[in-house]
Amino acid sequence: MAAQALVAESGRPSGQQVTEHAARILPGLRMLVLGIGILLAGTVLAVAAGHISGTAATGLYLASALVLLAGALVLRGLAAVVPGKARAVQLFGRYRGTIRESGLQWVNPFTNRIVVSTRIRNQESAQLKVNDADGNPIEIAAVVVWLVQDTAHAIYAVDDYRHFVTVQTETAVRHIASRYPYDSRGSDALSLRDNADEITERLSAELTARVRPAGVEIIETRLTRLSYAPEIAQAMLRQQQASAVVGARQRIVEGAVGMVQLALQRLEEEGVVDLDEERKAAMVSNLLVVLCSEQATQQVVNTGSLYH
């Protein structure tokens, strides 16, 4: 249902659809030789008509003109198809098929042959400013790798399939960026920065549904730029720095507590010294200060007893 909604949103015509199929063709080299032979025959008739007079000459001239016209029509039907480009054949406004086989081919000389590139293309979207799911303005851009899969749809379903892909790419990027937050902030929710692979997969799926009416196949999409907008970049940077400091402090405290526990356990197991609860608390306090302090601590040598 979602894909159908996207297709309807993309402007796919609801009436009859033209689907690509192979055009009727003949070997081009044979028709080239035939066309040249017909032209030579017409030339011979014209030369022969010049050596006679009367009604016979008129008939030969007329025959020569018809033969030369036929030769010109044969040559006009030749179509050179290079690799990576197809030719859509159109006769009196009707689609008659597509030539994808490379080389010299021959089709009806009265047809128009529209060149459509079937090569793989890279297209980078413009840098867009969008509000993410949390309402924060972000800057985002993506690159799309695509090719024309159905030449009939590309020509007849949309006005300009290149512009169509450009607009739909920006629309899909905006829609995806507005559905997810920039940063998950420790939660399990999908975010643009932490789940790039999942986001690009969803972007590819949505863009595929959007450009399908134009006969375009999406090969790959990738985010090329993702950052906070300049007006909030400094504030968000301070927030990320604060989160990093809190996380580092938490790791330091967890490590320090573990080391203090290990020290007290070893002292008790090996009977090095017998500490009461008050002295244990003092020792724990001193060890935590030493382990958690950002600056180097000063050593104090106690020359008296343990309790003085």
Protein backbone atom coordinates (compact mmCIF):
# COMPACT_ATOMS: atom_id res chain seq x y z
CA MET A 1 0.00 0.00 0.00
CA ALA A 2 2.83 2.39 0.81
CA ALA A 3 4.53 1.70 -2.52
CA GLN A 4 1.25 2.25 -4.37
CA ALA A 5 0.79 5.53 -2.59
CA LEU A 6 4.28 6.60 -3.58
CA VAL A 7 3.64 5.62 -7.19
CA ALA A 8 0.41 7.59 -7.26
CA GLU A 9 2.19 10.49 -5.61
CA SER A 10 4.90 10.37 -8.28
CA GLY A 11 2.42 11.16 -11.03
CA ARG A 12 2.13 7.83 -12.84
CA PRO A 13 -0.60 8.04 -15.48
CA SER A 14 -3.59 5.84 -14.73
CA GLY A 15 -4.44 5.07 -18.35
CA GLN A 16 -2.74 2.76 -20.82
CA GLN A 17 0.91 2.09 -20.16
CA VAL A 18 3.57 1.55 -22.80
CA THR A 19 6.07 -1.13 -21.84
CA GLU A 20 9.39 -1.69 -23.56
CA HIS A 21 9.62 -4.49 -26.10
CA ALA A 22 12.04 -5.32 -28.87
CA ALA A 23 11.59 -3.54 -32.19
CA ARG A 24 11.53 -5.36 -35.51
CA ILE A 25 14.91 -4.94 -37.15
CA LEU A 26 16.94 -6.29 -40.04
CA PRO A 27 20.72 -6.65 -40.34
CA GLY A 28 22.09 -3.23 -41.14
CA LEU A 29 25.08 -4.29 -43.26
CA ARG A 30 22.91 -6.23 -45.68
CA MET A 31 20.52 -3.34 -46.04
CA LEU A 32 23.46 -0.96 -46.50
CA VAL A 33 24.74 -3.06 -49.41
CA LEU A 34 21.22 -3.29 -50.83
CA GLY A 35 20.71 0.48 -50.57
CA ILE A 36 24.01 1.23 -52.30
CA GLY A 37 23.15 -1.28 -55.05
CA ILE A 38 19.75 0.36 -55.61
CA LEU A 39 21.38 3.79 -55.83
CA LEU A 40 23.88 2.50 -58.35
CA ALA A 41 21.05 0.98 -60.38
CA GLY A 42 19.20 4.29 -60.38
CA THR A 43 22.35 6.08 -61.46
CA VAL A 44 22.82 3.63 -64.34
CA LEU A 45 19.24 4.22 -65.46
CA ALA A 46 19.76 7.98 -65.38
CA VAL A 47 22.94 7.68 -67.45
CA ALA A 48 21.21 5.42 -69.91
CA ALA A 49 18.31 7.85 -70.23
CA GLY A 50 20.78 10.54 -71.20
CA HIS A 51 21.85 8.57 -74.30
CA ILE A 52 18.39 8.20 -75.75
CA SER A 53 15.55 10.53 -76.54
CA GLY A 54 11.80 10.55 -76.80
CA THR A 55 9.29 8.74 -74.67
CA ALA A 56 11.74 6.00 -73.69
CA ALA A 57 14.09 8.55 -72.15
CA THR A 58 11.24 10.05 -70.13
CA GLY A 59 10.32 6.60 -68.84
CA LEU A 60 13.90 5.84 -67.93
CA TYR A 61 14.24 9.14 -66.07
CA LEU A 62 11.07 8.40 -64.15
CA ALA A 63 12.24 4.90 -63.34
CA SER A 64 15.63 6.25 -62.30
CA ALA A 65 14.00 8.76 -59.94
CA LEU A 66 11.85 6.03 -58.36
CA VAL A 67 14.83 3.71 -57.95
CA LEU A 68 16.96 6.47 -56.41
CA LEU A 69 14.12 7.32 -54.01
CA ALA A 70 13.85 3.68 -53.00
CA GLY A 71 17.60 3.53 -52.38
CA ALA A 72 17.46 6.68 -50.27
CA LEU A 73 14.62 5.20 -48.20
CA VAL A 74 16.60 2.02 -47.66
CA LEU A 75 19.60 4.00 -46.44
CA ARG A 76 17.42 6.20 -44.25
CA GLY A 77 16.28 3.11 -42.35
CA LEU A 78 19.81 2.45 -41.12
CA ALA A 79 20.36 3.05 -37.38
CA ALA A 80 23.74 2.83 -35.67
CA VAL A 81 23.34 1.70 -32.04
CA VAL A 82 26.38 2.12 -29.78
CA PRO A 83 26.85 0.13 -26.54
CA GLY A 84 25.22 1.83 -23.56
CA LYS A 85 22.58 3.56 -25.67
CA ALA A 86 19.25 2.28 -26.93
CA ARG A 87 16.96 3.64 -29.65
CA ALA A 88 13.22 3.81 -29.11
CA VAL A 89 11.40 3.45 -32.45
CA GLN A 90 8.33 5.64 -32.99
CA LEU A 91 6.10 5.50 -36.06
CA PHE A 92 3.51 8.26 -36.56
CA GLY A 93 3.38 8.90 -32.81
CA ARG A 94 3.11 5.25 -31.79
CA TYR A 95 5.79 3.29 -29.95
CA ARG A 96 7.06 0.40 -32.07
CA GLY A 97 9.77 -1.06 -29.83
CA THR A 98 13.32 -0.45 -28.68
CA ILE A 99 16.63 -1.41 -30.28
CA ARG A 100 19.16 -2.47 -27.65
CA GLU A 101 21.41 -4.66 -29.84
CA SER A 102 24.52 -2.68 -30.69
CA GLY A 103 25.78 -2.32 -34.23
CA LEU A 104 24.25 -1.23 -37.52
CA GLN A 105 20.55 -2.11 -37.65
CA TRP A 106 17.74 -1.36 -40.06
CA VAL A 107 14.16 -0.36 -39.24
CA ASN A 108 11.24 1.17 -41.05
CA PRO A 109 12.64 4.32 -42.74
CA PHE A 110 9.54 6.34 -41.83
CA THR A 111 10.13 5.90 -38.07
CA ASN A 112 11.77 8.28 -35.63
CA ARG A 113 14.52 6.81 -33.48
CA ILE A 114 14.87 8.40 -30.04
CA VAL A 115 18.23 7.84 -28.34
CA VAL A 116 18.05 6.83 -24.66
CA SER A 117 21.17 6.24 -22.58
CA THR A 118 21.13 2.96 -20.64
CA ARG A 119 24.46 3.53 -18.93
CA ILE A 120 24.87 3.60 -15.15
CA ARG A 121 24.76 7.15 -13.80
CA ASN A 122 25.85 8.86 -10.60
CA GLN A 123 23.67 11.69 -9.39
CA GLU A 124 24.32 13.70 -6.24
CA SER A 125 21.45 15.56 -4.68
CA ALA A 126 21.74 19.16 -3.63
CA GLN A 127 22.67 19.90 -0.03
CA LEU A 128 19.31 20.07 1.74
CA LYS A 129 18.40 21.64 5.07
CA VAL A 130 15.78 19.51 6.82
CA ASN A 131 14.38 19.19 10.34
CA ASP A 132 14.99 15.73 11.75
CA ALA A 133 12.48 13.80 13.87
CA ASP A 134 13.50 15.83 16.96
CA GLY A 135 13.00 19.12 15.13
CA ASN A 136 16.71 19.91 14.85
CA PRO A 137 17.81 21.48 11.55
CA ILE A 138 20.35 19.30 9.75
CA GLU A 139 22.14 19.41 6.40
CA ILE A 140 21.97 16.23 4.34
CA ALA A 141 22.86 15.11 0.82
CA ALA A 142 22.93 11.76 -0.97
CA VAL A 143 24.36 10.20 -4.11
CA VAL A 144 22.20 7.88 -6.21
CA VAL A 145 23.43 5.28 -8.71
CA TRP A 146 20.75 4.50 -11.30
CA LEU A 147 20.07 3.45 -14.86
CA VAL A 148 17.16 3.34 -17.29
CA GLN A 149 15.60 -0.11 -17.26
CA ASP A 150 12.48 0.51 -19.36
CA THR A 151 13.04 2.99 -22.20
CA ALA A 152 9.33 3.19 -23.06
CA HIS A 153 8.43 4.34 -19.55
CA ALA A 154 11.36 6.76 -19.51
CA ILE A 155 10.15 8.44 -22.71
CA TYR A 156 6.37 8.27 -22.49
CA ALA A 157 5.49 8.04 -18.77
CA VAL A 158 7.21 11.29 -17.68
CA ASP A 159 8.23 14.53 -19.36
CA ASP A 160 11.94 14.32 -18.52
CA TYR A 161 13.14 11.23 -16.70
CA ARG A 162 16.42 12.89 -15.63
CA HIS A 163 14.63 15.79 -13.97
CA PHE A 164 12.09 13.33 -12.56
CA VAL A 165 14.85 11.33 -10.83
CA THR A 166 16.40 14.53 -9.47
CA VAL A 167 13.16 15.76 -7.93
CA GLN A 168 12.21 12.37 -6.51
CA THR A 169 15.68 11.94 -5.01
CA GLU A 170 15.42 15.21 -3.11
CA THR A 171 11.88 14.33 -2.02
CA ALA A 172 12.94 10.91 -0.71
CA VAL A 173 15.97 12.35 1.11
CA ARG A 174 13.80 14.99 2.79
CA HIS A 175 11.21 12.40 3.81
CA ILE A 176 13.75 9.98 5.27
CA ALA A 177 15.64 12.73 7.11
CA SER A 178 12.45 14.02 8.74
CA ARG A 179 11.44 10.54 9.99
CA TYR A 180 14.54 9.79 12.06
CA PRO A 181 16.59 11.75 14.62
CA TYR A 182 20.14 12.77 13.89
CA ASP A 183 21.50 11.00 16.98
CA SER A 184 19.98 8.17 19.04
CA ARG A 185 21.55 9.56 22.25
CA GLY A 186 22.03 6.15 23.78
CA SER A 187 18.61 4.75 22.89
CA ASP A 188 17.90 1.78 20.64
CA ALA A 189 15.96 3.84 18.09
CA LEU A 190 17.24 4.20 14.54
CA SER A 191 19.16 7.41 13.88
CA LEU A 192 20.71 8.98 10.83
CA ARG A 193 24.24 9.01 12.22
CA ASP A 194 24.37 5.68 14.09
CA ASN A 195 22.43 3.51 11.61
CA ALA A 196 23.71 4.65 8.22
CA ASP A 197 23.32 1.24 6.55
CA GLU A 198 19.70 0.79 7.64
CA ILE A 199 18.84 4.36 6.66
CA THR A 200 20.35 4.00 3.18
CA GLU A 201 18.46 0.74 2.65
CA ARG A 202 15.18 2.45 3.48
CA LEU A 203 16.13 5.39 1.30
CA SER A 204 16.82 3.01 -1.60
CA ALA A 205 13.49 1.24 -1.11
CA GLU A 206 11.52 4.49 -1.03
CA LEU A 207 13.35 5.98 -4.00
CA THR A 208 12.88 2.77 -6.00
CA ALA A 209 9.12 3.03 -5.50
CA ARG A 210 9.12 6.70 -6.46
CA VAL A 211 11.06 6.38 -9.73
CA ARG A 212 9.55 3.09 -10.92
CA PRO A 213 6.97 4.90 -13.14
CA ALA A 214 9.86 6.38 -15.15
CA GLY A 215 11.37 2.96 -15.87
CA VAL A 216 14.40 3.73 -13.71
CA GLU A 217 16.23 1.18 -11.55
CA ILE A 218 18.02 2.33 -8.40
CA ILE A 219 21.29 0.43 -7.92
CA GLU A 220 22.60 2.11 -4.77
CA THR A 221 22.14 5.16 -2.57
CA ARG A 222 24.58 6.64 -0.08
CA LEU A 223 24.52 9.65 2.22
CA THR A 224 27.39 11.95 1.28
CA ARG A 225 26.79 14.68 3.86
CA LEU A 226 25.15 14.61 7.28
CA SER A 227 25.67 17.34 9.85
CA TYR A 228 23.84 19.77 12.04
CA ALA A 229 22.95 23.12 10.51
CA PRO A 230 25.47 25.90 11.29
CA GLU A 231 23.06 27.74 13.61
CA ILE A 232 22.96 24.85 16.10
CA ALA A 233 26.23 23.08 15.31
CA GLN A 234 28.15 24.66 18.22
CA ALA A 235 25.42 23.91 20.75
CA MET A 236 25.14 20.31 19.59
CA LEU A 237 28.94 19.97 19.69
CA ARG A 238 28.99 21.08 23.32
CA GLN A 239 26.21 18.62 24.07
CA GLN A 240 28.16 15.78 22.44
CA GLN A 241 31.30 16.81 24.34
CA ALA A 242 29.38 16.84 27.62
CA SER A 243 27.97 13.38 26.86
CA ALA A 244 31.47 12.13 26.06
CA VAL A 245 32.85 13.56 29.33
CA VAL A 246 30.04 11.98 31.35
CA GLY A 247 30.64 8.64 29.67
CA ALA A 248 34.38 8.83 30.30
CA ARG A 249 33.81 9.78 33.95
CA GLN A 250 31.47 6.84 34.36
CA ARG A 251 34.08 4.44 33.00
CA ILE A 252 36.76 5.92 35.25
CA VAL A 253 34.58 5.62 38.36
CA GLU A 254 33.61 2.04 37.51
CA GLY A 255 37.28 1.13 37.06
CA ALA A 256 38.33 2.90 40.26
CA VAL A 257 35.67 1.16 42.36
CA GLY A 258 36.75 -2.19 40.97
CA MET A 259 40.40 -1.48 41.84
CA VAL A 260 39.50 -0.37 45.39
CA GLN A 261 37.44 -3.51 45.92
CA LEU A 262 40.28 -5.65 44.66
CA ALA A 263 42.80 -3.87 46.92
CA LEU A 264 40.68 -4.31 50.06
CA GLN A 265 40.00 -7.93 49.19
CA ARG A 266 43.70 -8.72 48.69
CA LEU A 267 44.68 -6.95 51.92
CA GLU A 268 42.09 -8.90 53.84
CA GLU A 269 42.92 -12.26 52.25
CA GLU A 270 46.68 -11.96 52.77
CA GLY A 271 46.41 -10.43 56.23
CA VAL A 272 48.70 -7.55 55.44
CA VAL A 273 46.92 -5.14 57.79
CA ASP A 274 43.74 -5.24 59.87
CA LEU A 275 41.59 -2.19 59.17
CA ASP A 276 38.45 -1.18 60.99
CA GLU A 277 35.51 0.34 59.13
CA GLU A 278 36.65 3.91 59.70
CA ARG A 279 40.14 3.22 58.33
CA LYS A 280 38.65 1.33 55.40
CA ALA A 281 36.49 4.36 54.58
CA ALA A 282 39.53 6.65 54.73
CA MET A 283 41.52 4.29 52.53
CA VAL A 284 38.67 4.06 50.01
CA SER A 285 38.39 7.85 49.93
CA ASN A 286 42.12 8.28 49.33
CA LEU A 287 42.23 5.63 46.60
CA LEU A 288 39.25 7.12 44.80
CA VAL A 289 40.85 10.56 44.91
CA VAL A 290 44.04 9.18 43.41
CA LEU A 291 42.34 7.09 40.73
CA CYS A 292 39.64 9.57 39.69
CA SER A 293 41.63 12.81 39.83
CA GLU A 294 42.51 14.48 36.53
CA GLN A 295 45.72 15.94 37.97
CA ALA A 296 48.68 14.19 39.50
CA THR A 297 48.31 13.71 43.27
CA GLN A 298 51.00 14.57 45.82
CA GLN A 299 52.30 11.72 47.96
CA VAL A 300 52.31 12.15 51.74
CA VAL A 301 54.62 9.91 53.76
CA ASN A 302 53.25 9.02 57.19
CA THR A 303 56.17 8.57 59.61
CA GLY A 304 54.00 7.94 62.61
CA SER A 305 51.73 5.03 63.42
CA LEU A 306 48.73 3.99 61.41
CA TYR A 307 46.39 5.87 63.72
CA HIS A 308 48.40 9.06 64.32
